[in-house]
C-alpha atoms as a PDB file:
ATOM      1  CA  MET A   1     -31.421 -56.516 -24.289  1.00  0.00           C
ATOM      2  CA  PHE A   2     -33.922 -53.630 -23.771  1.00  0.00           C
ATOM      3  CA  ASP A   3     -37.591 -54.372 -23.626  1.00  0.00           C
ATOM      4  CA  SER A   4     -39.550 -51.752 -25.618  1.00  0.00           C
ATOM      5  CA  LYS A   5     -42.390 -51.780 -23.059  1.00  0.00           C
ATOM      6  CA  MET A   6     -39.906 -51.187 -20.242  1.00  0.00           C
ATOM      7  CA  CYS A   7     -38.235 -48.323 -22.148  1.00  0.00           C
ATOM      8  CA  THR A   8     -41.642 -46.785 -22.864  1.00  0.00           C
ATOM      9  CA  SER A   9     -42.624 -47.087 -19.185  1.00  0.00           C
ATOM     10  CA  VAL A  10     -39.343 -45.517 -17.995  1.00  0.00           C
ATOM     11  CA  LEU A  11     -39.682 -42.724 -20.554  1.00  0.00           C
ATOM     12  CA  ALA A  12     -43.314 -42.075 -19.548  1.00  0.00           C
ATOM     13  CA  ALA A  13     -42.388 -42.030 -15.851  1.00  0.00           C
ATOM     14  CA  GLY A  14     -39.513 -39.621 -16.547  1.00  0.00           C
ATOM     15  CA  LEU A  15     -41.749 -37.271 -18.553  1.00  0.00           C
ATOM     16  CA  ALA A  16     -44.434 -37.368 -15.827  1.00  0.00           C
ATOM     17  CA  PHE A  17     -41.818 -36.557 -13.151  1.00  0.00           C
ATOM     18  CA  ALA A  18     -40.451 -33.683 -15.238  1.00  0.00           C
ATOM     19  CA  ALA A  19     -43.953 -32.307 -15.861  1.00  0.00           C
ATOM     20  CA  LEU A  20     -44.811 -32.433 -12.157  1.00  0.00           C
ATOM     21  CA  SER A  21     -41.467 -30.931 -11.167  1.00  0.00           C
ATOM     22  CA  PHE A  22     -42.027 -27.862 -13.313  1.00  0.00           C
ATOM     23  CA  SER A  23     -45.771 -27.493 -12.914  1.00  0.00           C
ATOM     24  CA  PRO A  24     -47.233 -24.528 -11.012  1.00  0.00           C
ATOM     25  CA  VAL A  25     -48.423 -26.854  -8.245  1.00  0.00           C
ATOM     26  CA  ALA A  26     -44.930 -28.186  -7.530  1.00  0.00           C
ATOM     27  CA  PHE A  27     -43.493 -24.786  -6.583  1.00  0.00           C
ATOM     28  CA  ALA A  28     -46.567 -22.929  -5.334  1.00  0.00           C
ATOM     29  CA  ASP A  29     -46.862 -22.654  -1.585  1.00  0.00           C
ATOM     30  CA  SER A  30     -49.955 -21.520   0.247  1.00  0.00           C
ATOM     31  CA  GLY A  31     -49.859 -19.961   3.689  1.00  0.00           C
ATOM     32  CA  PHE A  32     -48.534 -16.874   5.437  1.00  0.00           C
ATOM     33  CA  PHE A  33     -45.531 -14.888   4.242  1.00  0.00           C
ATOM     34  CA  LEU A  34     -43.361 -11.966   5.414  1.00  0.00           C
ATOM     35  CA  GLY A  35     -41.073  -9.872   3.235  1.00  0.00           C
ATOM     36  CA  ALA A  36     -38.912  -6.783   2.906  1.00  0.00           C
ATOM     37  CA  ASN A  37     -37.746  -4.854  -0.173  1.00  0.00           C
ATOM     38  CA  VAL A  38     -35.335  -1.996  -0.837  1.00  0.00           C
ATOM     39  CA  GLY A  39     -35.149   0.077  -3.972  1.00  0.00           C
ATOM     40  CA  ASN A  40     -35.576   3.459  -5.542  1.00  0.00           C
ATOM     41  CA  SER A  41     -38.636   5.691  -5.612  1.00  0.00           C
ATOM     42  CA  SER A  42     -39.525   8.552  -7.918  1.00  0.00           C
ATOM     43  CA  VAL A  43     -41.921  11.435  -7.401  1.00  0.00           C
ATOM     44  CA  SER A  44     -42.896  13.744 -10.283  1.00  0.00           C
ATOM     45  CA  ALA A  45     -45.194  16.704  -9.607  1.00  0.00           C
ATOM     46  CA  GLU A  46     -45.839  20.380 -10.102  1.00  0.00           C
ATOM     47  CA  VAL A  47     -45.557  21.843  -6.583  1.00  0.00           C
ATOM     48  CA  GLU A  48     -47.060  25.194  -5.694  1.00  0.00           C
ATOM     49  CA  ASP A  49     -44.463  27.564  -4.225  1.00  0.00           C
ATOM     50  CA  PRO A  50     -45.548  28.346  -0.634  1.00  0.00           C
ATOM     51  CA  GLY A  51     -44.081  31.848  -1.129  1.00  0.00           C
ATOM     52  CA  GLY A  52     -46.479  32.555  -4.029  1.00  0.00           C
ATOM     53  CA  GLY A  53     -43.875  32.326  -6.798  1.00  0.00           C
ATOM     54  CA  GLY A  54     -45.805  29.910  -9.056  1.00  0.00           C
ATOM     55  CA  ASP A  55     -45.331  26.198  -9.612  1.00  0.00           C
ATOM     56  CA  ILE A  56     -42.046  24.342  -9.162  1.00  0.00           C
ATOM     57  CA  SER A  57     -41.328  21.246 -11.289  1.00  0.00           C
ATOM     58  CA  PHE A  58     -40.301  18.323  -9.120  1.00  0.00           C
ATOM     59  CA  ASP A  59     -39.003  15.060 -10.588  1.00  0.00           C
ATOM     60  CA  GLU A  60     -36.642  13.335  -8.169  1.00  0.00           C
ATOM     61  CA  GLY A  61     -35.945   9.926  -6.656  1.00  0.00           C
ATOM     62  CA  ASP A  62     -34.539   8.532  -3.425  1.00  0.00           C
ATOM     63  CA  PHE A  63     -33.764   5.298  -1.569  1.00  0.00           C
ATOM     64  CA  SER A  64     -36.984   3.562  -0.528  1.00  0.00           C
ATOM     65  CA  TRP A  65     -38.020   0.494   1.425  1.00  0.00           C
ATOM     66  CA  LYS A  66     -41.038  -1.503   2.462  1.00  0.00           C
ATOM     67  CA  VAL A  67     -42.044  -4.375   4.741  1.00  0.00           C
ATOM     68  CA  TYR A  68     -45.102  -6.523   4.164  1.00  0.00           C
ATOM     69  CA  GLY A  69     -46.918  -9.693   5.065  1.00  0.00           C
ATOM     70  CA  GLY A  70     -49.864 -11.621   3.792  1.00  0.00           C
ATOM     71  CA  PHE A  71     -51.437 -14.908   2.882  1.00  0.00           C
ATOM     72  CA  ALA A  72     -51.183 -16.839  -0.390  1.00  0.00           C
ATOM     73  CA  PHE A  73     -53.893 -19.180  -1.676  1.00  0.00           C
ATOM     74  CA  ASP A  74     -52.428 -21.973  -3.788  1.00  0.00           C
ATOM     75  CA  LEU A  75     -54.730 -22.971  -6.648  1.00  0.00           C
ATOM     76  CA  PRO A  76     -53.872 -25.439  -9.448  1.00  0.00           C
ATOM     77  CA  LEU A  77     -52.919 -22.911 -12.137  1.00  0.00           C
ATOM     78  CA  ILE A  78     -53.010 -19.440 -10.580  1.00  0.00           C
ATOM     79  CA  ASP A  79     -51.832 -18.169  -7.203  1.00  0.00           C
ATOM     80  CA  PHE A  80     -53.950 -15.600  -5.380  1.00  0.00           C
ATOM     81  CA  GLY A  81     -52.985 -13.676  -2.277  1.00  0.00           C
ATOM     82  CA  VAL A  82     -53.524 -10.669  -0.083  1.00  0.00           C
ATOM     83  CA  GLU A  83     -50.753  -8.402   1.170  1.00  0.00           C
ATOM     84  CA  LEU A  84     -50.585  -5.631   3.792  1.00  0.00           C
ATOM     85  CA  GLY A  85     -47.486  -3.441   3.948  1.00  0.00           C
ATOM     86  CA  TYR A  86     -45.765  -0.296   5.151  1.00  0.00           C
ATOM     87  CA  PHE A  87     -43.718   1.727   2.636  1.00  0.00           C
ATOM     88  CA  ASP A  88     -41.310   4.667   2.932  1.00  0.00           C
ATOM     89  CA  LEU A  89     -40.398   6.366  -0.340  1.00  0.00           C
ATOM     90  CA  GLY A  90     -37.588   8.354   1.272  1.00  0.00           C
ATOM     91  CA  GLY A  91     -37.241  12.098   0.951  1.00  0.00           C
ATOM     92  CA  PRO A  92     -36.507  13.068  -2.647  1.00  0.00           C
ATOM     93  CA  SER A  93     -35.281  16.649  -2.830  1.00  0.00           C
ATOM     94  CA  VAL A  94     -34.243  19.279  -5.366  1.00  0.00           C
ATOM     95  CA  ASP A  95     -32.730  22.767  -5.212  1.00  0.00           C
ATOM     96  CA  ALA A  96     -35.583  25.218  -5.876  1.00  0.00           C
ATOM     97  CA  LEU A  97     -35.390  28.995  -5.648  1.00  0.00           C
ATOM     98  CA  GLY A  98     -32.117  28.759  -3.731  1.00  0.00           C
ATOM     99  CA  ASP A  99     -33.574  26.422  -1.098  1.00  0.00           C
ATOM    100  CA  GLU A 100     -34.073  22.692  -0.821  1.00  0.00           C
ATOM    101  CA  LEU A 101     -37.535  21.378  -1.697  1.00  0.00           C
ATOM    102  CA  SER A 102     -38.179  17.904  -0.285  1.00  0.00           C
ATOM    103  CA  ILE A 103     -41.171  15.587  -0.325  1.00  0.00           C
ATOM    104  CA  ASP A 104     -41.334  12.679   2.141  1.00  0.00           C
ATOM    105  CA  VAL A 105     -43.976  10.043   1.352  1.00  0.00           C
ATOM    106  CA  SER A 106     -44.829   7.017   3.498  1.00  0.00           C
ATOM    107  CA  GLY A 107     -47.900   4.964   4.278  1.00  0.00           C
ATOM    108  CA  LEU A 108     -49.762   1.670   4.325  1.00  0.00           C
ATOM    109  CA  SER A 109     -50.849  -0.451   1.391  1.00  0.00           C
ATOM    110  CA  VAL A 110     -53.275  -3.326   0.848  1.00  0.00           C
ATOM    111  CA  PHE A 111     -52.999  -5.404  -2.324  1.00  0.00           C
ATOM    112  CA  GLY A 112     -54.654  -8.369  -3.944  1.00  0.00           C
ATOM    113  CA  LEU A 113     -52.132 -10.461  -5.884  1.00  0.00           C
ATOM    114  CA  ALA A 114     -52.551 -12.882  -8.783  1.00  0.00           C
ATOM    115  CA  GLY A 115     -49.665 -14.817 -10.261  1.00  0.00           C
ATOM    116  CA  VAL A 116     -48.529 -17.743 -12.353  1.00  0.00           C
ATOM    117  CA  ASN A 117     -45.602 -20.015 -11.519  1.00  0.00           C
ATOM    118  CA  LEU A 118     -43.418 -21.287 -14.349  1.00  0.00           C
ATOM    119  CA  GLY A 119     -41.293 -23.729 -12.375  1.00  0.00           C
ATOM    120  CA  PRO A 120     -39.276 -21.911  -9.738  1.00  0.00           C
ATOM    121  CA  VAL A 121     -39.846 -18.609 -11.567  1.00  0.00           C
ATOM    122  CA  GLY A 122     -43.168 -16.779 -11.394  1.00  0.00           C
ATOM    123  CA  VAL A 123     -44.786 -13.548 -12.466  1.00  0.00           C
ATOM    124  CA  PHE A 124     -47.496 -11.656 -10.618  1.00  0.00           C
ATOM    125  CA  ALA A 125     -49.641  -8.553 -10.743  1.00  0.00           C
ATOM    126  CA  LYS A 126     -51.072  -6.636  -7.808  1.00  0.00           C
ATOM    127  CA  ALA A 127     -53.820  -4.065  -7.336  1.00  0.00           C
ATOM    128  CA  GLY A 128     -55.097  -2.327  -4.243  1.00  0.00           C
ATOM    129  CA  VAL A 129     -55.090   0.874  -2.221  1.00  0.00           C
ATOM    130  CA  ALA A 130     -52.323   2.949  -0.627  1.00  0.00           C
ATOM    131  CA  SER A 131     -53.040   5.212   2.324  1.00  0.00           C
ATOM    132  CA  TRP A 132     -50.230   7.786   2.270  1.00  0.00           C
ATOM    133  CA  ASP A 133     -48.854  10.789   4.161  1.00  0.00           C
ATOM    134  CA  ALA A 134     -46.713  13.374   2.375  1.00  0.00           C
ATOM    135  CA  GLU A 135     -44.581  16.080   4.022  1.00  0.00           C
ATOM    136  CA  LEU A 136     -43.461  18.968   1.824  1.00  0.00           C
ATOM    137  CA  ALA A 137     -40.667  21.265   3.046  1.00  0.00           C
ATOM    138  CA  LEU A 138     -39.263  24.418   1.370  1.00  0.00           C
ATOM    139  CA  ALA A 139     -37.455  27.423   2.792  1.00  0.00           C
ATOM    140  CA  GLY A 140     -38.348  26.651   6.394  1.00  0.00           C
ATOM    141  CA  LEU A 141     -42.016  26.217   5.518  1.00  0.00           C
ATOM    142  CA  SER A 142     -43.707  22.846   5.629  1.00  0.00           C
ATOM    143  CA  ALA A 143     -47.045  21.416   4.668  1.00  0.00           C
ATOM    144  CA  SER A 144     -48.535  17.967   4.930  1.00  0.00           C
ATOM    145  CA  GLU A 145     -51.181  16.131   3.011  1.00  0.00           C
ATOM    146  CA  ASP A 146     -52.613  12.645   3.184  1.00  0.00           C
ATOM    147  CA  GLY A 147     -55.013  10.486   1.266  1.00  0.00           C
ATOM    148  CA  SER A 148     -55.896   7.079  -0.073  1.00  0.00           C
ATOM    149  CA  ASP A 149     -55.498   6.273  -3.748  1.00  0.00           C
ATOM    150  CA  PRO A 150     -55.369   3.263  -6.067  1.00  0.00           C
ATOM    151  CA  ALA A 151     -52.073   1.397  -6.299  1.00  0.00           C
ATOM    152  CA  TYR A 152     -50.931  -1.344  -8.639  1.00  0.00           C
ATOM    153  CA  GLY A 153     -47.813  -3.152  -9.754  1.00  0.00           C
ATOM    154  CA  VAL A 154     -46.121  -6.108 -11.410  1.00  0.00           C
ATOM    155  CA  GLY A 155     -43.356  -8.396 -10.274  1.00  0.00           C
ATOM    156  CA  LEU A 156     -41.106 -11.346 -10.918  1.00  0.00           C
ATOM    157  CA  ARG A 157     -40.197 -13.957  -8.297  1.00  0.00           C
ATOM    158  CA  PHE A 158     -37.753 -16.821  -7.947  1.00  0.00           C
ATOM    159  CA  THR A 159     -38.612 -19.480  -5.353  1.00  0.00           C
ATOM    160  CA  LEU A 160     -36.150 -21.687  -3.469  1.00  0.00           C
ATOM    161  CA  GLY A 161     -38.166 -23.724  -0.979  1.00  0.00           C
ATOM    162  CA  SER A 162     -39.605 -21.334   1.596  1.00  0.00           C
ATOM    163  CA  LEU A 163     -37.421 -18.440   0.390  1.00  0.00           C
ATOM    164  CA  GLU A 164     -38.561 -16.204  -2.463  1.00  0.00           C
ATOM    165  CA  ILE A 165     -36.554 -13.468  -4.183  1.00  0.00           C
ATOM    166  CA  ARG A 166     -38.737 -10.703  -5.666  1.00  0.00           C
ATOM    167  CA  GLY A 167     -38.352  -7.808  -8.070  1.00  0.00           C
ATOM    168  CA  GLU A 168     -41.289  -5.363  -8.200  1.00  0.00           C
ATOM    169  CA  TYR A 169     -42.496  -2.178  -9.843  1.00  0.00           C
ATOM    170  CA  GLU A 170     -45.348  -0.405  -8.016  1.00  0.00           C
ATOM    171  CA  VAL A 171     -47.300   2.773  -8.753  1.00  0.00           C
ATOM    172  CA  ILE A 172     -49.439   4.899  -6.433  1.00  0.00           C
ATOM    173  CA  ASP A 173     -51.968   6.807  -8.526  1.00  0.00           C
ATOM    174  CA  ILE A 174     -52.197  10.007  -6.437  1.00  0.00           C
ATOM    175  CA  ASP A 175     -54.483  12.770  -7.757  1.00  0.00           C
ATOM    176  CA  ASP A 176     -52.674  16.002  -8.732  1.00  0.00           C
ATOM    177  CA  VAL A 177     -49.301  14.194  -8.883  1.00  0.00           C
ATOM    178  CA  ASP A 178     -47.784  13.116 -12.189  1.00  0.00           C
ATOM    179  CA  ASP A 179     -45.964   9.950 -11.030  1.00  0.00           C
ATOM    180  CA  VAL A 180     -45.206   8.159  -7.768  1.00  0.00           C
ATOM    181  CA  TYR A 181     -43.536   4.800  -8.175  1.00  0.00           C
ATOM    182  CA  MET A 182     -41.123   2.398  -6.508  1.00  0.00           C
ATOM    183  CA  ALA A 183     -38.828  -0.145  -8.170  1.00  0.00           C
ATOM    184  CA  SER A 184     -37.472  -2.607  -5.633  1.00  0.00           C
ATOM    185  CA  ALA A 185     -36.011  -6.040  -4.900  1.00  0.00           C
ATOM    186  CA  GLY A 186     -36.323  -8.094  -1.769  1.00  0.00           C
ATOM    187  CA  VAL A 187     -36.850 -11.404  -0.045  1.00  0.00           C
ATOM    188  CA  VAL A 188     -39.956 -13.205   1.191  1.00  0.00           C
ATOM    189  CA  TRP A 189     -40.160 -16.029   3.714  1.00  0.00           C
ATOM    190  CA  ARG A 190     -43.161 -18.355   3.400  1.00  0.00           C
ATOM    191  CA  PHE A 191     -44.415 -20.269   6.437  1.00  0.00           C
END
């Protein structure tokens, strides 16, 4: 009733289709992309009191967001890409010395990305530079500072055609600041 050669051929064709369907090449997509994320940021630092009262410990978070775009290069096993973005880490604040101390951080970032697709799910790492501006306000006094520092992160993505859902954790390694990071989720559209 069943020919063993035919069964073997059907089985081999089915296994080949399954392997291609879940290979990195099947879901990788090269070209331009645009995305937006929302999440939570955290800033930890020892801030000098502008009134001369010593250092103030600051470890607070706030709503944050970012928009970005870039280009992905689809290679057989690993995806590479470049990404340019604008981020706003909100304005985390804390009550200090009877007044509100707030730090607003925003800026531009440039990352190189490398990732691996495991079917529709993929993981990636990113490294680059963030050019940031920080505004510090306390008791009616304000100060600003800016700079460029290394930035890096990791992420997880789920791809559905041209739409990608991302979760990311990014760190800006600012000198004289303990921690600046953003945990976020968002969507990416690939062209």
